[in-house]
Protein backbone atom coordinates (compact mmCIF):
# COMPACT_ATOMS: atom_id res chain seq x y z
CA MET A 1 72.15 235.30 -78.87
CA VAL A 2 72.98 239.01 -78.90
CA LEU A 3 70.27 241.52 -79.65
CA VAL A 4 71.48 244.53 -81.56
CA GLY A 5 69.39 247.67 -81.49
CA ALA A 6 69.71 251.37 -81.12
CA PRO A 7 71.89 252.58 -78.24
CA TRP A 8 69.94 253.36 -75.04
CA TRP A 9 70.55 257.09 -75.34
CA THR A 10 69.07 257.60 -78.79
CA ARG A 11 65.98 259.71 -79.33
CA PRO A 12 64.74 261.92 -82.13
CA GLY A 13 67.37 264.61 -82.56
CA LEU A 14 70.18 262.61 -80.91
CA GLU A 15 70.99 259.52 -82.90
CA PRO A 16 73.64 257.73 -84.92
CA ARG A 17 73.31 258.06 -88.67
CA ASP A 18 75.62 256.15 -90.99
CA GLY A 19 77.91 255.43 -88.03
CA ARG A 20 78.11 259.11 -87.03
CA LEU A 21 76.52 260.92 -84.10
CA THR A 22 73.98 263.54 -85.13
CA ILE A 23 72.53 266.29 -82.97
CA ALA A 24 69.38 267.91 -84.33
CA GLY A 25 70.27 266.41 -87.71
CA GLU A 26 73.81 267.85 -87.71
CA ASP A 27 76.96 265.73 -87.68
CA ALA A 28 78.53 266.17 -84.21
CA GLU A 29 82.12 265.90 -85.41
CA GLN A 30 81.57 268.45 -88.16
CA LEU A 31 80.04 270.83 -85.59
CA ALA A 32 83.08 270.41 -83.34
CA ARG A 33 85.51 270.96 -86.21
CA ALA A 34 83.63 274.06 -87.39
CA HIS A 35 83.14 275.67 -83.96
CA GLY A 36 85.83 274.15 -81.73
CA THR A 37 85.42 272.41 -78.41
CA PRO A 38 84.06 272.44 -75.87
CA LEU A 39 80.85 273.08 -77.74
CA PHE A 40 77.27 273.22 -76.52
CA ALA A 41 74.97 271.93 -79.25
CA TYR A 42 71.25 272.30 -78.55
CA ASP A 43 68.26 270.80 -80.26
CA LEU A 44 65.79 273.69 -80.19
CA ASP A 45 62.91 271.40 -81.16
CA ARG A 46 63.67 269.32 -78.07
CA PHE A 47 63.32 272.40 -75.83
CA ALA A 48 59.89 273.11 -77.34
CA ASP A 49 58.80 269.46 -77.16
CA ASN A 50 59.83 269.21 -73.50
CA ALA A 51 57.98 272.42 -72.62
CA ARG A 52 54.85 271.14 -74.37
CA ARG A 53 55.05 267.76 -72.59
CA ILE A 54 55.48 269.38 -69.18
CA ALA A 55 52.64 271.85 -69.86
CA ALA A 56 50.35 268.99 -70.93
CA ALA A 57 51.18 267.03 -67.77
CA LEU A 58 50.47 270.08 -65.60
CA ASP A 59 47.23 270.83 -67.47
CA ALA A 60 46.10 267.24 -66.85
CA THR A 61 46.25 267.84 -63.10
CA GLY A 62 43.52 270.45 -63.28
CA LEU A 63 45.60 272.81 -61.12
CA ASP A 64 45.87 276.49 -61.96
CA VAL A 65 49.57 276.63 -62.83
CA ARG A 66 51.87 278.57 -65.12
CA LEU A 67 54.97 276.84 -66.44
CA ARG A 68 58.10 278.95 -66.03
CA PHE A 69 61.66 278.54 -67.28
CA ALA A 70 64.51 279.54 -64.96
CA LEU A 71 66.41 282.07 -67.03
CA LYS A 72 69.62 281.41 -65.08
CA ALA A 73 69.49 277.80 -66.36
CA ASN A 74 70.17 278.96 -69.91
CA PRO A 75 69.96 282.60 -71.06
CA GLU A 76 70.75 281.78 -74.71
CA PRO A 77 68.47 284.05 -76.81
CA ARG A 78 67.74 281.39 -79.47
CA ILE A 79 66.50 279.01 -76.79
CA LEU A 80 64.41 281.73 -75.16
CA GLU A 81 62.90 282.57 -78.57
CA VAL A 82 61.71 278.96 -78.90
CA LEU A 83 60.33 278.89 -75.35
CA ARG A 84 58.70 282.34 -75.44
CA PRO A 85 55.25 281.23 -76.66
CA LEU A 86 55.23 278.20 -74.35
CA VAL A 87 56.36 279.29 -70.90
CA GLY A 88 56.68 282.15 -68.50
CA ILE A 89 60.09 283.14 -67.23
CA ASP A 90 61.69 282.91 -63.80
CA ALA A 91 64.00 285.92 -63.60
CA CYS A 92 65.44 286.78 -60.20
CA SER A 93 68.12 289.39 -60.86
CA PRO A 94 67.99 292.72 -62.69
CA GLY A 95 70.17 291.25 -65.46
CA GLU A 96 67.79 288.31 -65.91
CA VAL A 97 64.80 290.66 -66.04
CA ILE A 98 66.55 292.74 -68.73
CA ARG A 99 67.33 289.59 -70.77
CA ALA A 100 63.71 288.41 -70.44
CA LEU A 101 62.41 291.77 -71.66
CA GLU A 102 64.90 291.76 -74.56
CA CYS A 103 63.62 288.31 -75.55
CA GLY A 104 59.96 289.28 -75.63
CA TRP A 105 58.51 288.74 -72.18
CA ARG A 106 56.39 291.69 -71.06
CA PRO A 107 56.53 293.54 -67.73
CA GLU A 108 52.86 292.82 -67.06
CA GLU A 109 53.68 289.08 -67.01
CA LYS A 110 55.66 289.44 -63.80
CA VAL A 111 54.34 287.92 -60.60
CA THR A 112 52.90 290.29 -58.04
CA ARG A 113 54.42 290.71 -54.59
CA GLU A 114 51.49 288.77 -53.20
CA GLN A 115 52.14 285.87 -55.61
CA ALA A 116 55.85 285.87 -54.75
CA TRP A 117 55.09 285.98 -51.03
CA TRP A 118 52.74 283.00 -51.38
CA ALA A 119 55.29 281.08 -53.49
CA PHE A 120 58.03 281.47 -50.88
CA THR A 121 55.78 280.65 -47.91
CA ARG A 122 52.58 278.65 -48.40
CA GLY A 123 53.56 277.59 -51.92
CA GLY A 124 56.84 276.11 -50.73
CA ALA A 125 55.03 274.18 -48.01
CA TYR A 126 52.44 272.97 -50.52
CA ALA A 127 55.15 271.88 -52.98
CA GLY A 128 56.76 269.85 -50.19
CA PHE A 129 53.43 268.26 -49.14
CA ALA A 130 53.91 269.93 -45.76
CA GLU A 131 51.30 272.67 -45.67
CA GLU A 132 50.07 271.31 -42.30
CA LYS A 133 53.59 271.70 -40.84
CA PHE A 134 54.88 275.04 -42.12
CA GLY A 135 54.32 277.88 -44.57
CA ARG A 136 52.35 280.21 -42.30
CA LEU A 137 52.48 281.59 -38.79
CA ALA A 138 49.91 279.60 -36.85
CA PRO A 139 49.73 277.50 -33.68
CA GLY A 140 51.38 274.13 -34.22
CA GLN A 141 53.29 275.22 -37.33
CA LEU A 142 57.09 275.30 -37.52
CA ALA A 143 58.16 278.91 -37.32
CA ASP A 144 61.11 279.93 -39.50
CA PHE A 145 60.78 283.63 -40.25
CA ILE A 146 62.48 287.00 -40.27
CA ILE A 147 61.44 290.39 -38.96
CA VAL A 148 62.43 293.28 -41.20
CA ASP A 149 62.58 297.03 -40.75
CA ARG A 150 59.77 297.84 -43.21
CA ASP A 151 56.64 296.30 -44.70
CA PRO A 152 57.83 294.51 -47.87
CA MET A 153 54.32 294.58 -49.30
CA LEU A 154 54.18 298.39 -49.15
CA ALA A 155 57.80 299.49 -49.70
CA SER A 156 58.78 301.04 -53.02
CA PRO A 157 61.19 298.98 -55.14
CA SER A 158 64.13 301.21 -54.15
CA ASP A 159 63.17 301.08 -50.47
CA LEU A 160 62.69 297.32 -50.67
CA ARG A 161 66.34 296.92 -51.74
CA GLN A 162 67.39 298.72 -48.56
CA THR A 163 65.42 296.39 -46.26
CA LYS A 164 67.35 295.24 -43.19
CA VAL A 165 66.70 292.05 -41.24
CA GLU A 166 66.03 292.88 -37.59
CA GLU A 167 65.58 289.32 -36.29
CA THR A 168 65.78 285.74 -37.57
CA TRP A 169 63.78 282.90 -36.03
CA ILE A 170 64.33 279.20 -36.79
CA GLY A 171 62.00 276.56 -35.37
CA GLY A 172 60.44 279.19 -33.13
CA VAL A 173 63.82 280.16 -31.62
CA LYS A 174 65.35 283.59 -32.10
CA ILE A 175 68.86 283.05 -33.53
CA TYR A 176 69.75 286.56 -34.70
CA VAL A 177 69.13 290.12 -33.56
CA ARG A 178 70.54 293.05 -35.54
CA LYS A 179 72.78 295.30 -33.49
CA ALA A 180 71.53 298.83 -33.01
CA GLY A 181 73.14 301.55 -35.07
């Protein structure tokens, strides 16, 4: 006996209809003929649904979190428009920041230096369930760190871009020293 059902990959927005593949209700072949291939066809409702599901799962943990979308993953303005009310943005380059601002994110939504510092140190350790092993300079902790030529918490944005690494330490061992001059 053979059971016949929907293909494993079907879901709302990606399904066969009358023997034809549809994406967000549109016939895939007609999209390809109209726009050429290769073609990226997105279901904007799916982006919103996924963001809502992830936000609900994070809210259920009781943790104080803010869902963010990595702009480099997909900078398409129509997708960002759908995500805007649902998520924050992860923008790491000047171009990504400009795109985020153009798509409605506000400068005051940016993370502070302190928040970024925590995310790249203690936050990374916490995310890896290793906060007892690394993420801060303390006895018994693994010590991977750099020494720079200025205080990154106090430097102006233009000065911060000019920061030079003086030393690099991995596992408590100095592996790099900048040459004088």
